[in-house]
Amino acid sequence: MNENEVRALILSWENLAILVRYIADYPEHLDIIMNKALDDSQPENWRAVWMVDKIHERHPELVIPYLPAMTSFLMTTQNASKKRHLLKLISLNEIQEEDIAALLNFCIDEFTNAAEPVAVRVHAMQILFNIAQKEPDFSGELIELIEHEMDYHGSAGIASRGGKLLKKLYAAKAK
């Protein structure tokens, strides 16, 4: 399978599920999907990130090696759909020590930006929580951030995830 064939398949929703299953059987072609996913030059490339998300659901071990590249790309893309999927993927995996500072700053900006879609903000909040699990000194600041966002820029999604994370943060603080 070459890049042109992948592009043709990505253009049709009906083919995406087939392509996800194909990559599970032939993971050597995942590089082509990742090249599309981490490229903002064509609007349909966000579908490649969706595919990577679906591949991760079934075979996370195939996607994990690409996390550093996904993290770097996340910092530059303006595509909200790509941000949503990339933040979700990053939140579901262990954050590497060398990425903590960059993700911390990026996710604070995304989480506190009321203009961002709720899903982007919720996944950014989850990453901040994951960082707080590794860096307990950040927990107090995160509690304040979550409470502020729930009060002033809340939505059902922010309130739901924020409430769950606050319970965990308060429980950890009480220990």
N, C-alpha and C. Protein backbone atom coordinates (compact mmCIF):
# COMPACT_ATOMS: atom_id res chain seq x y z
N MET A 1 0.84 -1.17 0.00
CA MET A 1 0.00 0.00 0.00
C MET A 1 0.89 1.23 0.00
N ASN A 2 0.57 2.18 -0.88
CA ASN A 2 1.37 3.40 -0.93
C ASN A 2 0.55 4.60 -0.46
N GLU A 3 1.18 5.76 -0.41
CA GLU A 3 0.55 6.96 0.12
C GLU A 3 -0.68 7.37 -0.68
N ASN A 4 -0.64 7.25 -2.00
CA ASN A 4 -1.80 7.60 -2.82
C ASN A 4 -2.99 6.69 -2.56
N GLU A 5 -2.72 5.41 -2.35
CA GLU A 5 -3.80 4.47 -2.04
C GLU A 5 -4.42 4.79 -0.67
N VAL A 6 -3.57 5.11 0.28
CA VAL A 6 -4.07 5.48 1.60
C VAL A 6 -4.91 6.75 1.51
N ARG A 7 -4.45 7.72 0.75
CA ARG A 7 -5.21 8.97 0.60
C ARG A 7 -6.58 8.70 0.00
N ALA A 8 -6.62 7.85 -1.00
CA ALA A 8 -7.91 7.51 -1.63
C ALA A 8 -8.83 6.81 -0.63
N LEU A 9 -8.28 5.94 0.18
CA LEU A 9 -9.09 5.22 1.17
C LEU A 9 -9.58 6.16 2.27
N ILE A 10 -8.75 7.10 2.67
CA ILE A 10 -9.11 8.04 3.73
C ILE A 10 -10.29 8.92 3.31
N LEU A 11 -10.40 9.19 2.04
CA LEU A 11 -11.47 10.07 1.57
C LEU A 11 -12.86 9.46 1.72
N SER A 12 -12.95 8.17 1.94
CA SER A 12 -14.24 7.50 2.06
C SER A 12 -14.39 6.92 3.47
N TRP A 13 -15.42 7.37 4.19
CA TRP A 13 -15.68 6.87 5.54
C TRP A 13 -15.85 5.35 5.56
N GLU A 14 -16.47 4.83 4.52
CA GLU A 14 -16.73 3.40 4.47
C GLU A 14 -15.44 2.58 4.52
N ASN A 15 -14.38 3.14 4.00
CA ASN A 15 -13.10 2.43 3.95
C ASN A 15 -12.29 2.51 5.24
N LEU A 16 -12.62 3.47 6.10
CA LEU A 16 -11.78 3.69 7.27
C LEU A 16 -11.74 2.48 8.20
N ALA A 17 -12.86 1.86 8.44
CA ALA A 17 -12.88 0.67 9.32
C ALA A 17 -12.06 -0.46 8.71
N ILE A 18 -12.16 -0.61 7.40
CA ILE A 18 -11.38 -1.64 6.70
C ILE A 18 -9.89 -1.34 6.84
N LEU A 19 -9.54 -0.08 6.66
CA LEU A 19 -8.14 0.32 6.76
C LEU A 19 -7.60 0.12 8.18
N VAL A 20 -8.42 0.39 9.18
CA VAL A 20 -8.00 0.17 10.58
C VAL A 20 -7.69 -1.31 10.79
N ARG A 21 -8.56 -2.19 10.31
CA ARG A 21 -8.32 -3.63 10.46
C ARG A 21 -7.09 -4.06 9.66
N TYR A 22 -6.90 -3.48 8.49
CA TYR A 22 -5.75 -3.81 7.64
C TYR A 22 -4.44 -3.47 8.37
N ILE A 23 -4.40 -2.30 8.99
CA ILE A 23 -3.19 -1.88 9.69
C ILE A 23 -2.89 -2.82 10.85
N ALA A 24 -3.92 -3.33 11.50
CA ALA A 24 -3.70 -4.29 12.59
C ALA A 24 -2.99 -5.54 12.07
N ASP A 25 -3.32 -5.95 10.85
CA ASP A 25 -2.70 -7.14 10.26
C ASP A 25 -1.35 -6.82 9.60
N TYR A 26 -1.20 -5.59 9.13
CA TYR A 26 0.03 -5.18 8.43
C TYR A 26 0.55 -3.87 9.03
N PRO A 27 1.05 -3.94 10.27
CA PRO A 27 1.47 -2.71 10.97
C PRO A 27 2.61 -1.96 10.29
N GLU A 28 3.30 -2.60 9.38
CA GLU A 28 4.38 -1.90 8.68
C GLU A 28 3.85 -0.73 7.84
N HIS A 29 2.55 -0.69 7.59
CA HIS A 29 1.95 0.41 6.83
C HIS A 29 1.47 1.55 7.71
N LEU A 30 1.64 1.39 9.02
CA LEU A 30 1.20 2.45 9.93
C LEU A 30 1.98 3.74 9.71
N ASP A 31 3.23 3.64 9.27
CA ASP A 31 4.02 4.85 8.99
C ASP A 31 3.31 5.75 7.99
N ILE A 32 2.69 5.18 6.99
CA ILE A 32 1.99 5.98 5.97
C ILE A 32 0.82 6.72 6.62
N ILE A 33 0.06 6.03 7.47
CA ILE A 33 -1.07 6.66 8.15
C ILE A 33 -0.56 7.78 9.07
N MET A 34 0.53 7.50 9.79
CA MET A 34 1.07 8.51 10.70
C MET A 34 1.58 9.74 9.95
N ASN A 35 2.19 9.52 8.79
CA ASN A 35 2.64 10.67 7.99
C ASN A 35 1.46 11.55 7.59
N LYS A 36 0.34 10.92 7.26
CA LYS A 36 -0.88 11.68 6.95
C LYS A 36 -1.41 12.38 8.20
N ALA A 37 -1.44 11.65 9.30
CA ALA A 37 -2.00 12.18 10.54
C ALA A 37 -1.22 13.41 11.03
N LEU A 38 0.08 13.39 10.84
CA LEU A 38 0.93 14.47 11.35
C LEU A 38 1.29 15.47 10.26
N ASP A 39 0.33 15.71 9.37
CA ASP A 39 0.50 16.63 8.25
C ASP A 39 -0.78 17.45 8.13
N ASP A 40 -0.66 18.76 8.21
CA ASP A 40 -1.83 19.63 8.12
C ASP A 40 -2.08 20.16 6.70
N SER A 41 -1.37 19.66 5.71
CA SER A 41 -1.48 20.24 4.37
C SER A 41 -2.77 19.88 3.64
N GLN A 42 -3.45 18.81 4.05
CA GLN A 42 -4.69 18.41 3.38
C GLN A 42 -5.79 18.27 4.44
N PRO A 43 -6.95 18.86 4.19
CA PRO A 43 -8.02 18.85 5.20
C PRO A 43 -8.46 17.45 5.63
N GLU A 44 -8.43 16.50 4.71
CA GLU A 44 -8.91 15.16 5.05
C GLU A 44 -7.93 14.39 5.94
N ASN A 45 -6.75 14.92 6.17
CA ASN A 45 -5.76 14.21 6.98
C ASN A 45 -6.20 14.02 8.43
N TRP A 46 -7.20 14.80 8.90
CA TRP A 46 -7.67 14.58 10.27
C TRP A 46 -8.26 13.18 10.40
N ARG A 47 -8.75 12.62 9.29
CA ARG A 47 -9.29 11.27 9.34
C ARG A 47 -8.21 10.25 9.67
N ALA A 48 -6.99 10.54 9.29
CA ALA A 48 -5.88 9.65 9.62
C ALA A 48 -5.66 9.63 11.13
N VAL A 49 -5.82 10.76 11.79
CA VAL A 49 -5.68 10.79 13.25
C VAL A 49 -6.82 10.00 13.88
N TRP A 50 -8.01 10.12 13.33
CA TRP A 50 -9.15 9.33 13.81
C TRP A 50 -8.81 7.84 13.70
N MET A 51 -8.21 7.46 12.58
CA MET A 51 -7.83 6.06 12.38
C MET A 51 -6.80 5.63 13.41
N VAL A 52 -5.82 6.47 13.67
CA VAL A 52 -4.79 6.15 14.68
C VAL A 52 -5.46 5.93 16.03
N ASP A 53 -6.45 6.76 16.36
CA ASP A 53 -7.20 6.60 17.60
C ASP A 53 -7.87 5.22 17.64
N LYS A 54 -8.50 4.83 16.54
CA LYS A 54 -9.18 3.52 16.49
C LYS A 54 -8.18 2.37 16.53
N ILE A 55 -7.05 2.53 15.89
CA ILE A 55 -6.00 1.51 15.94
C ILE A 55 -5.51 1.37 17.39
N HIS A 56 -5.33 2.49 18.07
CA HIS A 56 -4.88 2.49 19.47
C HIS A 56 -5.86 1.74 20.36
N GLU A 57 -7.16 1.87 20.09
CA GLU A 57 -8.16 1.17 20.91
C GLU A 57 -7.95 -0.34 20.87
N ARG A 58 -7.58 -0.86 19.71
CA ARG A 58 -7.42 -2.30 19.54
C ARG A 58 -5.99 -2.78 19.76
N HIS A 59 -5.05 -1.95 19.36
CA HIS A 59 -3.63 -2.33 19.41
C HIS A 59 -2.77 -1.15 19.86
N PRO A 60 -2.86 -0.78 21.13
CA PRO A 60 -2.09 0.39 21.60
C PRO A 60 -0.59 0.25 21.37
N GLU A 61 -0.10 -0.97 21.41
CA GLU A 61 1.34 -1.19 21.24
C GLU A 61 1.85 -0.72 19.88
N LEU A 62 0.97 -0.66 18.89
CA LEU A 62 1.37 -0.17 17.57
C LEU A 62 1.53 1.34 17.54
N VAL A 63 0.76 2.03 18.36
CA VAL A 63 0.72 3.49 18.33
C VAL A 63 1.71 4.12 19.31
N ILE A 64 1.97 3.45 20.42
CA ILE A 64 2.82 4.02 21.48
C ILE A 64 4.17 4.54 20.96
N PRO A 65 4.85 3.85 20.05
CA PRO A 65 6.13 4.39 19.57
C PRO A 65 6.03 5.75 18.88
N TYR A 66 4.84 6.12 18.45
CA TYR A 66 4.64 7.39 17.75
C TYR A 66 4.27 8.54 18.70
N LEU A 67 4.13 8.27 19.99
CA LEU A 67 3.72 9.30 20.93
C LEU A 67 4.63 10.53 20.95
N PRO A 68 5.96 10.39 20.91
CA PRO A 68 6.78 11.60 20.87
C PRO A 68 6.50 12.48 19.64
N ALA A 69 6.33 11.86 18.49
CA ALA A 69 6.02 12.63 17.28
C ALA A 69 4.64 13.28 17.38
N MET A 70 3.69 12.56 17.95
CA MET A 70 2.34 13.11 18.12
C MET A 70 2.37 14.30 19.08
N THR A 71 3.15 14.17 20.15
CA THR A 71 3.25 15.26 21.13
C THR A 71 3.86 16.50 20.48
N SER A 72 4.90 16.33 19.70
CA SER A 72 5.53 17.46 19.01
C SER A 72 4.57 18.12 18.03
N PHE A 73 3.86 17.30 17.27
CA PHE A 73 2.92 17.83 16.28
C PHE A 73 1.76 18.56 16.96
N LEU A 74 1.31 18.04 18.08
CA LEU A 74 0.21 18.66 18.82
C LEU A 74 0.49 20.13 19.11
N MET A 75 1.74 20.44 19.41
CA MET A 75 2.11 21.81 19.78
C MET A 75 1.99 22.79 18.61
N THR A 76 1.90 22.27 17.38
CA THR A 76 1.90 23.16 16.22
C THR A 76 0.58 23.18 15.45
N THR A 77 -0.22 22.14 15.55
CA THR A 77 -1.44 22.10 14.74
C THR A 77 -2.51 23.04 15.29
N GLN A 78 -3.27 23.60 14.38
CA GLN A 78 -4.42 24.43 14.75
C GLN A 78 -5.73 23.69 14.52
N ASN A 79 -5.66 22.48 14.03
CA ASN A 79 -6.83 21.68 13.71
C ASN A 79 -7.44 21.11 14.99
N ALA A 80 -8.64 21.56 15.34
CA ALA A 80 -9.27 21.14 16.59
C ALA A 80 -9.57 19.65 16.61
N SER A 81 -9.92 19.07 15.47
CA SER A 81 -10.19 17.63 15.43
C SER A 81 -8.93 16.83 15.74
N LYS A 82 -7.82 17.27 15.16
CA LYS A 82 -6.55 16.59 15.43
C LYS A 82 -6.15 16.77 16.89
N LYS A 83 -6.31 17.99 17.41
CA LYS A 83 -5.98 18.24 18.82
C LYS A 83 -6.77 17.29 19.72
N ARG A 84 -8.07 17.15 19.45
CA ARG A 84 -8.92 16.31 20.27
C ARG A 84 -8.38 14.88 20.33
N HIS A 85 -8.11 14.31 19.15
CA HIS A 85 -7.64 12.92 19.11
C HIS A 85 -6.24 12.77 19.68
N LEU A 86 -5.35 13.71 19.38
CA LEU A 86 -3.99 13.62 19.89
C LEU A 86 -3.95 13.76 21.41
N LEU A 87 -4.72 14.71 21.94
CA LEU A 87 -4.78 14.86 23.39
C LEU A 87 -5.34 13.60 24.04
N LYS A 88 -6.37 13.02 23.43
CA LYS A 88 -6.95 11.79 23.97
C LYS A 88 -5.89 10.69 23.99
N LEU A 89 -5.19 10.50 22.88
CA LEU A 89 -4.17 9.45 22.81
C LEU A 89 -3.07 9.66 23.84
N ILE A 90 -2.63 10.89 23.98
CA ILE A 90 -1.58 11.20 24.95
C ILE A 90 -2.10 10.94 26.37
N SER A 91 -3.36 11.31 26.62
CA SER A 91 -3.91 11.14 27.97
C SER A 91 -4.06 9.68 28.37
N LEU A 92 -4.14 8.80 27.39
CA LEU A 92 -4.33 7.37 27.67
C LEU A 92 -3.01 6.62 27.89
N ASN A 93 -1.91 7.33 27.76
CA ASN A 93 -0.60 6.70 27.87
C ASN A 93 0.26 7.45 28.87
N GLU A 94 1.32 6.79 29.31
CA GLU A 94 2.23 7.42 30.26
C GLU A 94 2.96 8.58 29.59
N ILE A 95 3.02 9.68 30.29
CA ILE A 95 3.70 10.87 29.77
C ILE A 95 5.18 10.74 30.09
N GLN A 96 5.98 10.94 29.06
CA GLN A 96 7.43 10.85 29.24
C GLN A 96 7.94 12.08 29.99
N GLU A 97 8.92 11.86 30.81
CA GLU A 97 9.49 12.92 31.64
C GLU A 97 9.89 14.15 30.81
N GLU A 98 10.47 13.91 29.65
CA GLU A 98 10.94 15.03 28.83
C GLU A 98 9.80 15.83 28.20
N ASP A 99 8.57 15.30 28.23
CA ASP A 99 7.43 15.99 27.64
C ASP A 99 6.58 16.72 28.68
N ILE A 100 6.85 16.52 29.95
CA ILE A 100 5.98 17.07 31.00
C ILE A 100 5.88 18.58 30.92
N ALA A 101 6.99 19.29 30.85
CA ALA A 101 6.95 20.76 30.87
C ALA A 101 6.19 21.31 29.67
N ALA A 102 6.48 20.80 28.48
CA ALA A 102 5.80 21.29 27.28
C ALA A 102 4.31 20.99 27.33
N LEU A 103 3.95 19.77 27.74
CA LEU A 103 2.54 19.41 27.82
C LEU A 103 1.83 20.19 28.93
N LEU A 104 2.50 20.43 30.02
CA LEU A 104 1.91 21.21 31.11
C LEU A 104 1.50 22.59 30.61
N ASN A 105 2.42 23.29 29.99
CA ASN A 105 2.12 24.64 29.49
C ASN A 105 1.05 24.61 28.40
N PHE A 106 1.19 23.69 27.46
CA PHE A 106 0.23 23.59 26.36
C PHE A 106 -1.16 23.28 26.89
N CYS A 107 -1.26 22.30 27.78
CA CYS A 107 -2.56 21.86 28.27
C CYS A 107 -3.23 22.89 29.17
N ILE A 108 -2.45 23.65 29.93
CA ILE A 108 -3.04 24.74 30.71
C ILE A 108 -3.67 25.75 29.76
N ASP A 109 -2.94 26.11 28.70
CA ASP A 109 -3.48 27.06 27.72
C ASP A 109 -4.75 26.54 27.05
N GLU A 110 -4.74 25.27 26.67
CA GLU A 110 -5.90 24.68 26.00
C GLU A 110 -7.08 24.55 26.96
N PHE A 111 -6.83 24.07 28.16
CA PHE A 111 -7.89 23.86 29.13
C PHE A 111 -8.56 25.16 29.54
N THR A 112 -7.79 26.22 29.68
CA THR A 112 -8.35 27.49 30.14
C THR A 112 -8.84 28.38 29.00
N ASN A 113 -8.78 27.89 27.78
CA ASN A 113 -9.24 28.66 26.62
C ASN A 113 -10.68 28.28 26.32
N ALA A 114 -11.61 29.11 26.73
CA ALA A 114 -13.04 28.82 26.56
C ALA A 114 -13.43 28.75 25.08
N ALA A 115 -12.59 29.25 24.18
CA ALA A 115 -12.90 29.20 22.76
C ALA A 115 -12.60 27.83 22.15
N GLU A 116 -11.85 27.01 22.86
CA GLU A 116 -11.54 25.67 22.37
C GLU A 116 -12.76 24.76 22.53
N PRO A 117 -12.91 23.77 21.65
CA PRO A 117 -14.02 22.82 21.82
C PRO A 117 -13.90 22.08 23.15
N VAL A 118 -15.05 21.72 23.71
CA VAL A 118 -15.09 21.08 25.03
C VAL A 118 -14.23 19.82 25.06
N ALA A 119 -14.29 19.00 24.02
CA ALA A 119 -13.51 17.75 24.03
C ALA A 119 -12.01 18.02 24.12
N VAL A 120 -11.53 19.05 23.44
CA VAL A 120 -10.11 19.42 23.53
C VAL A 120 -9.78 19.82 24.96
N ARG A 121 -10.65 20.62 25.57
CA ARG A 121 -10.42 21.09 26.93
C ARG A 121 -10.46 19.94 27.94
N VAL A 122 -11.39 19.01 27.76
CA VAL A 122 -11.51 17.88 28.68
C VAL A 122 -10.27 16.98 28.60
N HIS A 123 -9.80 16.70 27.40
CA HIS A 123 -8.60 15.85 27.28
C HIS A 123 -7.36 16.58 27.81
N ALA A 124 -7.29 17.89 27.62
CA ALA A 124 -6.18 18.67 28.18
C ALA A 124 -6.22 18.60 29.71
N MET A 125 -7.44 18.70 30.29
CA MET A 125 -7.59 18.59 31.74
C MET A 125 -7.13 17.22 32.23
N GLN A 126 -7.45 16.17 31.48
CA GLN A 126 -7.03 14.83 31.88
C GLN A 126 -5.51 14.71 31.87
N ILE A 127 -4.86 15.29 30.88
CA ILE A 127 -3.39 15.26 30.83
C ILE A 127 -2.82 16.02 32.02
N LEU A 128 -3.42 17.15 32.36
CA LEU A 128 -2.96 17.91 33.54
C LEU A 128 -3.11 17.06 34.80
N PHE A 129 -4.20 16.32 34.90
CA PHE A 129 -4.38 15.41 36.04
C PHE A 129 -3.29 14.34 36.04
N ASN A 130 -3.01 13.77 34.87
CA ASN A 130 -1.97 12.74 34.77
C ASN A 130 -0.62 13.31 35.20
N ILE A 131 -0.35 14.54 34.83
CA ILE A 131 0.90 15.19 35.25
C ILE A 131 0.91 15.37 36.76
N ALA A 132 -0.23 15.77 37.32
CA ALA A 132 -0.31 15.97 38.77
C ALA A 132 -0.06 14.67 39.52
N GLN A 133 -0.38 13.54 38.91
CA GLN A 133 -0.11 12.24 39.54
C GLN A 133 1.39 11.99 39.61
N LYS A 134 2.12 12.51 38.64
CA LYS A 134 3.58 12.35 38.63
C LYS A 134 4.27 13.46 39.42
N GLU A 135 3.64 14.62 39.45
CA GLU A 135 4.19 15.81 40.11
C GLU A 135 3.17 16.31 41.14
N PRO A 136 3.12 15.69 42.32
CA PRO A 136 2.08 16.03 43.31
C PRO A 136 2.05 17.51 43.72
N ASP A 137 3.16 18.20 43.60
CA ASP A 137 3.18 19.62 43.96
C ASP A 137 2.27 20.45 43.07
N PHE A 138 1.93 19.93 41.91
CA PHE A 138 1.06 20.64 40.97
C PHE A 138 -0.42 20.47 41.31
N SER A 139 -0.74 19.53 42.18
CA SER A 139 -2.14 19.20 42.48
C SER A 139 -2.96 20.40 42.98
N GLY A 140 -2.40 21.17 43.87
CA GLY A 140 -3.12 22.33 44.41
C GLY A 140 -3.49 23.33 43.33
N GLU A 141 -2.54 23.63 42.47
CA GLU A 141 -2.80 24.56 41.36
C GLU A 141 -3.85 23.98 40.41
N LEU A 142 -3.78 22.68 40.17
CA LEU A 142 -4.75 22.05 39.27
C LEU A 142 -6.15 22.09 39.86
N ILE A 143 -6.27 21.88 41.15
CA ILE A 143 -7.58 21.98 41.80
C ILE A 143 -8.18 23.36 41.55
N GLU A 144 -7.37 24.39 41.75
CA GLU A 144 -7.84 25.77 41.53
C GLU A 144 -8.24 25.98 40.06
N LEU A 145 -7.43 25.48 39.14
CA LEU A 145 -7.75 25.63 37.71
C LEU A 145 -9.07 24.96 37.36
N ILE A 146 -9.25 23.74 37.82
CA ILE A 146 -10.48 23.00 37.50
C ILE A 146 -11.69 23.70 38.10
N GLU A 147 -11.59 24.10 39.36
CA GLU A 147 -12.71 24.79 40.00
C GLU A 147 -13.05 26.08 39.27
N HIS A 148 -12.03 26.83 38.88
CA HIS A 148 -12.25 28.08 38.16
C HIS A 148 -12.94 27.82 36.82
N GLU A 149 -12.45 26.87 36.08
CA GLU A 149 -13.05 26.58 34.77
C GLU A 149 -14.48 26.05 34.92
N MET A 150 -14.73 25.25 35.93
CA MET A 150 -16.09 24.75 36.15
C MET A 150 -17.04 25.90 36.49
N ASP A 151 -16.54 26.87 37.25
CA ASP A 151 -17.38 28.00 37.65
C ASP A 151 -17.60 29.01 36.52
N TYR A 152 -16.56 29.29 35.75
CA TYR A 152 -16.64 30.40 34.81
C TYR A 152 -16.72 30.00 33.34
N HIS A 153 -16.23 28.84 32.99
CA HIS A 153 -16.26 28.40 31.58
C HIS A 153 -16.73 26.96 31.49
N GLY A 154 -17.62 26.59 32.37
CA GLY A 154 -18.04 25.21 32.46
C GLY A 154 -18.97 24.78 31.33
N SER A 155 -19.06 23.50 31.20
CA SER A 155 -19.98 22.85 30.28
C SER A 155 -20.28 21.50 30.92
N ALA A 156 -21.18 20.76 30.35
CA ALA A 156 -21.48 19.44 30.91
C ALA A 156 -20.23 18.56 30.92
N GLY A 157 -19.45 18.60 29.86
CA GLY A 157 -18.24 17.79 29.77
C GLY A 157 -17.18 18.20 30.77
N ILE A 158 -16.98 19.51 30.91
CA ILE A 158 -16.00 20.02 31.87
C ILE A 158 -16.45 19.67 33.29
N ALA A 159 -17.74 19.85 33.58
CA ALA A 159 -18.25 19.56 34.92
C ALA A 159 -18.14 18.07 35.24
N SER A 160 -18.47 17.22 34.29
CA SER A 160 -18.43 15.78 34.53
C SER A 160 -17.02 15.30 34.81
N ARG A 161 -16.09 15.57 33.89
CA ARG A 161 -14.72 15.11 34.09
C ARG A 161 -14.07 15.87 35.24
N GLY A 162 -14.32 17.17 35.32
CA GLY A 162 -13.73 17.97 36.39
C GLY A 162 -14.14 17.48 37.77
N GLY A 163 -15.42 17.14 37.93
CA GLY A 163 -15.89 16.63 39.21
C GLY A 163 -15.20 15.33 39.60
N LYS A 164 -15.05 14.44 38.63
CA LYS A 164 -14.39 13.16 38.90
C LYS A 164 -12.92 13.36 39.27
N LEU A 165 -12.26 14.24 38.54
CA LEU A 165 -10.84 14.47 38.82
C LEU A 165 -10.64 15.20 40.14
N LEU A 166 -11.55 16.14 40.45
CA LEU A 166 -11.43 16.84 41.72
C LEU A 166 -11.56 15.87 42.90
N LYS A 167 -12.48 14.92 42.81
CA LYS A 167 -12.62 13.93 43.89
C LYS A 167 -11.31 13.18 44.11
N LYS A 168 -10.67 12.79 43.02
CA LYS A 168 -9.40 12.06 43.13
C LYS A 168 -8.30 12.96 43.69
N LEU A 169 -8.28 14.22 43.25
CA LEU A 169 -7.26 15.15 43.74
C LEU A 169 -7.44 15.43 45.23
N TYR A 170 -8.70 15.64 45.66
CA TYR A 170 -8.96 15.88 47.09
C TYR A 170 -8.61 14.66 47.92
N ALA A 171 -8.93 13.47 47.42
CA ALA A 171 -8.63 12.23 48.15
C ALA A 171 -7.12 12.07 48.31
N ALA A 172 -6.38 12.35 47.26
CA ALA A 172 -4.92 12.24 47.33
C ALA A 172 -4.33 13.26 48.29
N LYS A 173 -4.92 14.44 48.32
CA LYS A 173 -4.44 15.50 49.21
C LYS A 173 -4.70 15.18 50.69
N ALA A 174 -5.80 14.46 50.93
CA ALA A 174 -6.18 14.13 52.31
C ALA A 174 -5.27 13.06 52.92
N LYS A 175 -4.55 12.34 52.09
CA LYS A 175 -3.68 11.26 52.59
C LYS A 175 -2.48 11.78 53.32
